[in-house]
Protein backbone atom coordinates (compact mmCIF):
# COMPACT_ATOMS: atom_id res chain seq x y z
CA MET A 1 35.03 -222.94 43.23
CA LYS A 2 37.39 -219.94 43.02
CA ILE A 3 40.49 -220.47 40.90
CA LEU A 4 43.54 -218.22 40.49
CA LEU A 5 44.63 -218.01 36.85
CA ILE A 6 48.22 -216.97 36.18
CA SER A 7 50.64 -217.16 33.28
CA ASP A 8 53.92 -215.80 31.95
CA ILE A 9 55.57 -215.21 35.32
CA HIS A 10 58.97 -215.16 33.61
CA GLY A 11 60.91 -215.74 36.81
CA ASN A 12 59.47 -212.57 38.37
CA TYR A 13 58.95 -213.76 41.92
CA PRO A 14 58.40 -210.26 43.39
CA ALA A 15 55.39 -209.89 41.09
CA LEU A 16 54.12 -213.40 41.90
CA LYS A 17 54.53 -212.75 45.63
CA ALA A 18 52.52 -209.54 45.34
CA VAL A 19 49.72 -211.38 43.51
CA SER A 20 49.73 -214.10 46.16
CA GLN A 21 49.36 -211.51 48.92
CA GLN A 22 46.58 -209.70 47.07
CA VAL A 23 44.46 -212.83 46.55
CA GLN A 24 44.95 -214.41 49.99
CA GLU A 25 41.56 -213.26 51.27
CA LEU A 26 39.79 -214.77 48.24
CA ALA A 27 40.67 -218.29 49.41
CA CYS A 28 41.19 -219.73 45.93
CA GLU A 29 40.89 -223.50 45.88
CA GLN A 30 43.07 -224.09 42.82
CA ILE A 31 45.87 -222.33 40.95
CA LEU A 32 46.26 -222.80 37.19
CA ASN A 33 49.44 -221.61 35.48
CA CYS A 34 49.72 -221.49 31.67
CA GLY A 35 53.50 -221.51 31.36
CA ASP A 36 56.51 -219.33 30.68
CA THR A 37 57.31 -219.70 34.34
CA THR A 38 61.01 -218.99 33.76
CA VAL A 39 63.43 -216.56 32.05
CA TYR A 40 63.98 -212.79 32.18
CA ALA A 41 63.79 -212.14 35.93
CA PRO A 42 66.43 -213.97 38.02
CA PHE A 43 64.14 -215.71 40.50
CA PRO A 44 63.45 -219.09 38.86
CA ASN A 45 63.87 -221.10 42.06
CA GLU A 46 61.69 -218.84 44.19
CA THR A 47 59.02 -218.89 41.49
CA ILE A 48 58.99 -222.66 41.03
CA ASP A 49 59.23 -223.24 44.77
CA TRP A 50 56.04 -221.18 45.16
CA LEU A 51 54.23 -223.17 42.47
CA ARG A 52 55.30 -226.45 44.03
CA ARG A 53 54.37 -225.31 47.52
CA HIS A 54 50.90 -224.23 46.41
CA LYS A 55 50.40 -227.36 44.27
CA ALA A 56 49.61 -225.24 41.21
CA PHE A 57 48.62 -227.00 38.01
CA THR A 58 51.37 -225.85 35.63
CA ILE A 59 52.22 -226.41 31.97
CA ARG A 60 55.27 -225.49 29.89
CA GLY A 61 55.56 -222.33 27.83
CA ASN A 62 57.93 -221.56 24.97
CA THR A 63 60.62 -220.02 27.21
CA ASP A 64 60.40 -223.06 29.47
CA ASP A 65 60.86 -225.26 26.37
CA LYS A 66 64.25 -223.69 25.65
CA VAL A 67 65.39 -224.01 29.27
CA VAL A 68 64.40 -227.69 29.11
CA ARG A 69 66.52 -228.09 25.99
CA LEU A 70 69.52 -226.63 27.82
CA LEU A 71 68.90 -228.89 30.82
CA LYS A 72 68.94 -231.87 28.44
CA GLY A 73 72.33 -230.79 27.05
CA LYS A 74 70.90 -229.49 23.79
CA THR A 75 70.99 -226.00 22.28
CA PHE A 76 68.68 -223.84 20.17
CA LYS A 77 69.02 -221.45 17.23
CA LYS A 78 66.48 -218.85 18.37
CA PRO A 79 66.65 -216.42 19.97
CA ALA A 80 69.83 -215.40 18.21
CA ASN A 81 70.08 -212.19 20.27
CA PRO A 82 73.10 -212.77 22.60
CA GLU A 83 71.49 -210.84 25.46
CA LYS A 84 68.42 -213.07 25.31
CA ARG A 85 70.56 -216.20 25.20
CA ILE A 86 72.30 -215.06 28.38
CA MET A 87 68.93 -214.96 30.14
CA TYR A 88 68.17 -218.55 29.15
CA THR A 89 71.57 -219.96 30.09
CA ASN A 90 71.56 -218.06 33.38
CA THR A 91 68.15 -219.50 34.29
CA ALA A 92 69.23 -223.06 33.50
CA ALA A 93 72.40 -222.63 35.58
CA MET A 94 70.50 -221.27 38.59
CA LEU A 95 67.88 -224.01 38.94
CA SER A 96 68.01 -226.32 41.96
CA PRO A 97 67.89 -230.11 41.39
CA GLN A 98 64.28 -230.23 42.63
CA ASN A 99 63.23 -227.48 40.25
CA ILE A 100 65.07 -229.04 37.33
CA GLU A 101 63.03 -232.17 37.97
CA PHE A 102 59.84 -230.10 38.15
CA LEU A 103 60.52 -228.32 34.86
CA LEU A 104 61.50 -231.52 33.06
CA GLY A 105 58.23 -233.10 34.17
CA LEU A 106 55.93 -230.43 32.75
CA LYS A 107 53.70 -231.10 29.73
CA LYS A 108 52.59 -228.62 27.06
CA LYS A 109 48.90 -228.89 27.95
CA LYS A 110 46.65 -230.12 30.72
CA ILE A 111 42.95 -231.03 30.78
CA LEU A 112 41.14 -230.80 34.11
CA HIS A 113 37.63 -231.60 35.29
CA LEU A 114 36.58 -228.96 37.81
CA GLU A 115 33.02 -228.42 39.07
CA GLN A 116 31.59 -230.57 36.27
CA THR A 117 33.45 -228.35 33.78
CA VAL A 118 36.17 -229.44 31.34
CA VAL A 119 39.00 -226.90 31.64
CA GLY A 120 41.98 -226.90 29.28
CA LEU A 121 45.32 -225.23 29.96
CA PHE A 122 47.33 -224.28 26.88
CA HIS A 123 50.21 -221.87 26.44
CA GLY A 124 49.43 -220.55 22.95
CA SER A 125 46.13 -222.12 21.88
CA PRO A 126 44.49 -225.57 21.80
CA ALA A 127 45.74 -225.90 18.20
CA ASP A 128 49.30 -224.57 18.51
CA HIS A 129 51.62 -224.23 21.49
CA ASP A 130 53.16 -221.10 19.93
CA GLU A 131 50.02 -219.38 18.60
CA PHE A 132 49.37 -215.84 19.81
CA LEU A 133 45.77 -215.08 20.75
CA PHE A 134 45.13 -211.45 21.65
CA ALA A 135 42.13 -209.52 22.90
CA GLU A 136 42.01 -208.11 19.34
CA THR A 137 42.17 -211.51 17.58
CA LYS A 138 39.23 -211.88 15.19
CA GLU A 139 36.26 -213.81 16.52
CA ILE A 140 36.38 -216.19 13.57
CA ARG A 141 39.66 -217.62 14.90
CA PHE A 142 38.15 -218.25 18.31
CA LEU A 143 35.16 -219.88 16.60
CA GLU A 144 37.51 -222.20 14.69
CA LEU A 145 39.22 -223.17 17.93
CA ALA A 146 35.87 -223.66 19.69
CA LYS A 147 34.87 -226.19 17.02
CA GLU A 148 38.15 -228.09 17.47
CA THR A 149 38.23 -228.39 21.27
CA THR A 150 36.25 -230.54 23.68
CA CYS A 151 36.95 -228.09 26.53
CA GLN A 152 34.23 -225.85 27.90
CA VAL A 153 36.82 -223.44 29.29
CA VAL A 154 40.11 -222.72 27.46
CA ILE A 155 42.82 -220.87 29.37
CA THR A 156 45.87 -219.60 27.49
CA GLY A 157 48.90 -217.37 28.00
CA HIS A 158 51.78 -216.46 25.67
CA SER A 159 50.40 -213.18 24.26
CA HIS A 160 50.44 -211.34 27.63
CA SER A 161 47.05 -209.97 26.49
CA PRO A 162 44.23 -210.27 29.07
CA TYR A 163 40.82 -211.19 27.69
CA TYR A 164 37.65 -213.13 28.36
CA LYS A 165 35.46 -214.17 25.41
CA VAL A 166 32.63 -216.62 25.00
CA VAL A 167 32.66 -217.86 21.40
CA GLY A 168 30.90 -220.92 20.05
CA GLY A 169 29.87 -221.87 23.56
CA VAL A 170 33.48 -222.00 24.76
CA HIS A 171 34.90 -219.66 27.42
CA PHE A 172 38.31 -218.36 26.30
CA ILE A 173 40.42 -216.72 29.01
CA ASN A 174 43.88 -215.18 29.08
CA PRO A 175 44.90 -213.83 32.51
CA GLY A 176 47.71 -211.70 31.06
CA SER A 177 51.25 -211.85 32.37
CA VAL A 178 52.14 -211.89 36.05
CA GLY A 179 55.73 -210.90 35.44
CA ARG A 180 56.11 -209.14 32.11
CA MET A 181 53.24 -207.04 30.77
CA PHE A 182 53.77 -205.12 27.53
CA ASP A 183 51.09 -202.43 27.84
CA GLY A 184 53.20 -199.75 29.53
CA ARG A 185 51.85 -200.66 32.99
CA PRO A 186 54.29 -202.77 35.03
CA GLU A 187 51.63 -204.10 37.41
CA ALA A 188 51.19 -207.88 37.46
CA SER A 189 48.14 -209.22 35.63
CA TYR A 190 46.05 -212.20 36.71
CA ALA A 191 42.44 -213.42 36.71
CA ILE A 192 40.00 -215.11 39.04
CA LEU A 193 37.79 -217.84 37.59
CA GLU A 194 34.66 -218.83 39.51
CA LEU A 195 33.00 -222.09 38.56
CA THR A 196 29.63 -223.31 39.72
CA PRO A 197 27.58 -226.05 38.05
CA GLY A 198 26.37 -224.48 34.81
CA ALA A 199 28.00 -221.08 35.33
CA VAL A 200 31.37 -219.42 34.62
CA ALA A 201 32.49 -216.00 35.90
CA VAL A 202 35.82 -214.28 35.23
CA THR A 203 37.40 -211.12 36.66
CA HIS A 204 40.74 -209.62 35.64
CA HIS A 205 43.02 -207.85 38.09
CA ARG A 206 46.26 -205.83 38.19
CA CYS A 207 48.65 -205.77 41.13
CA PRO A 208 51.59 -203.41 41.80
CA TYR A 209 54.90 -204.92 42.89
CA ASP A 210 58.46 -203.79 43.65
CA VAL A 211 59.91 -203.48 40.15
CA GLU A 212 63.18 -202.13 41.56
CA GLU A 213 63.71 -205.40 43.44
CA VAL A 214 63.87 -207.09 40.05
CA ALA A 215 66.19 -204.41 38.64
CA ARG A 216 68.56 -204.81 41.61
CA ALA A 217 68.64 -208.59 41.22
CA LEU A 218 69.44 -208.29 37.52
CA ARG A 219 72.30 -205.95 38.37
CA GLU A 220 73.61 -208.21 41.15
CA HIS A 221 73.66 -211.16 38.75
CA GLN A 222 75.42 -209.00 36.12
CA LEU A 223 72.63 -209.58 33.62
CA PRO A 224 71.90 -207.21 30.69
CA ALA A 225 70.60 -203.84 31.91
CA ILE A 226 68.12 -203.70 29.04
CA TYR A 227 65.87 -206.11 30.94
CA ALA A 228 65.66 -203.84 33.97
CA GLU A 229 64.23 -201.19 31.65
CA MET A 230 61.87 -203.77 30.16
CA PHE A 231 60.36 -204.42 33.58
CA ARG A 232 60.29 -200.74 34.53
CA THR A 233 58.52 -199.64 31.35
CA ALA A 234 56.45 -202.77 30.72
CA THR A 235 57.46 -202.81 27.10
CA LYS A 236 58.72 -205.68 24.97
CA ARG A 237 62.44 -206.00 24.24
CA ASN A 238 63.74 -207.92 21.23
């Protein structure tokens, strides 16, 4: 079974579309998405429409959590940065009724049984929705998590840091960010997971996309220009 692993799209449909086109010939049988589907690029409907159309298994990320709060008529204290808050409120205002329903229905984790393998989807980690796990995270932390989980494969997002580690008999995978990498390379990041009975294989990939399409859309929606530079330079903005 070939499975497309994606995470942290952040409303960047041009990047997601480019990934979709690149992997078409691989004939992936499943798509697993580890959250942060929305916020920062102004294509939340196109992004969620794609996930719905392809029947992707999707969980909520921390940016999605705040959009959900807004959709429920609540507010939040963080981020306090007014430019960031604009991006959240704009996303919530743009969503179609069908995609509001989709977002409200998402859970923070999902456990799947694929090819006789227990696969867990988490945004941060199996222990904490907001935990950051990086390629550089010490092995002892992965070993602690391995002892706490019943999953054979753990897929996470949140850190935008691609990695594949086998620790304590557990396969830990982060596909990186489709829409918002922070390593100075704006190409989308994703991974392909191949499962056969008793075997796991993972490959990471990068995919170029039209960054200026995102910049134009931000400008057309009169959203803060700082985020156009964030996508162009693939660097984090506070």
